[in-house]
Amino acid sequence: ISESFEELVFPKGDSDAVSISKRDVELLQPDTFINDTIIDFYI
């Protein structure tokens, strides 16, 4: 993951927006456990 990765907020400005950090994205690698943030983003 690039060092220039910035936090991703979707949908931006929404009260129920989900923020994805660099660490959250790193958890998408094989043999790692995803966290609640990734699940919330998917839903």
Protein backbone atom coordinates (compact mmCIF):
# COMPACT_ATOMS: atom_id res chain seq x y z
CA ILE A 1 0.00 0.00 0.00
CA SER A 2 1.34 3.36 -0.98
CA GLU A 3 2.70 5.71 1.68
CA SER A 4 0.52 8.41 0.12
CA PHE A 5 -2.69 6.52 0.97
CA GLU A 6 -5.20 8.86 2.55
CA GLU A 7 -8.19 7.91 4.64
CA LEU A 8 -11.21 7.02 2.51
CA VAL A 9 -14.63 8.18 3.71
CA PHE A 10 -17.74 6.82 1.99
CA PRO A 11 -20.22 8.29 1.47
CA LYS A 12 -18.52 11.57 2.22
CA GLY A 13 -20.64 13.94 4.28
CA ASP A 14 -23.12 11.25 5.31
CA SER A 15 -23.83 10.79 9.02
CA ASP A 16 -23.39 7.02 8.56
CA ALA A 17 -20.16 7.33 6.56
CA VAL A 18 -17.46 4.69 7.01
CA SER A 19 -13.79 5.71 7.25
CA ILE A 20 -11.23 3.29 5.84
CA SER A 21 -7.65 3.74 7.01
CA LYS A 22 -4.42 2.40 5.56
CA ARG A 23 -4.39 -0.25 8.29
CA ASP A 24 -7.90 -1.37 7.33
CA VAL A 25 -6.81 -1.85 3.71
CA GLU A 26 -3.73 -3.81 4.82
CA LEU A 27 -6.09 -6.28 6.50
CA LEU A 28 -7.39 -7.28 3.06
CA GLN A 29 -4.19 -9.24 2.42
CA PRO A 30 -4.38 -13.05 2.35
CA ASP A 31 -4.12 -14.85 5.70
CA THR A 32 -5.29 -11.85 7.74
CA PHE A 33 -8.52 -11.21 9.58
CA ILE A 34 -10.75 -8.38 8.43
CA ASN A 35 -12.15 -5.95 10.96
CA ASP A 36 -15.57 -4.41 11.54
CA THR A 37 -14.70 -1.33 9.48
CA ILE A 38 -14.21 -3.41 6.34
CA ILE A 39 -17.48 -5.24 6.98
CA ASP A 40 -19.33 -1.93 7.54
CA PHE A 41 -17.91 -0.59 4.29
CA TYR A 42 -19.10 -3.67 2.40
CA ILE A 43 -22.61 -3.49 3.84
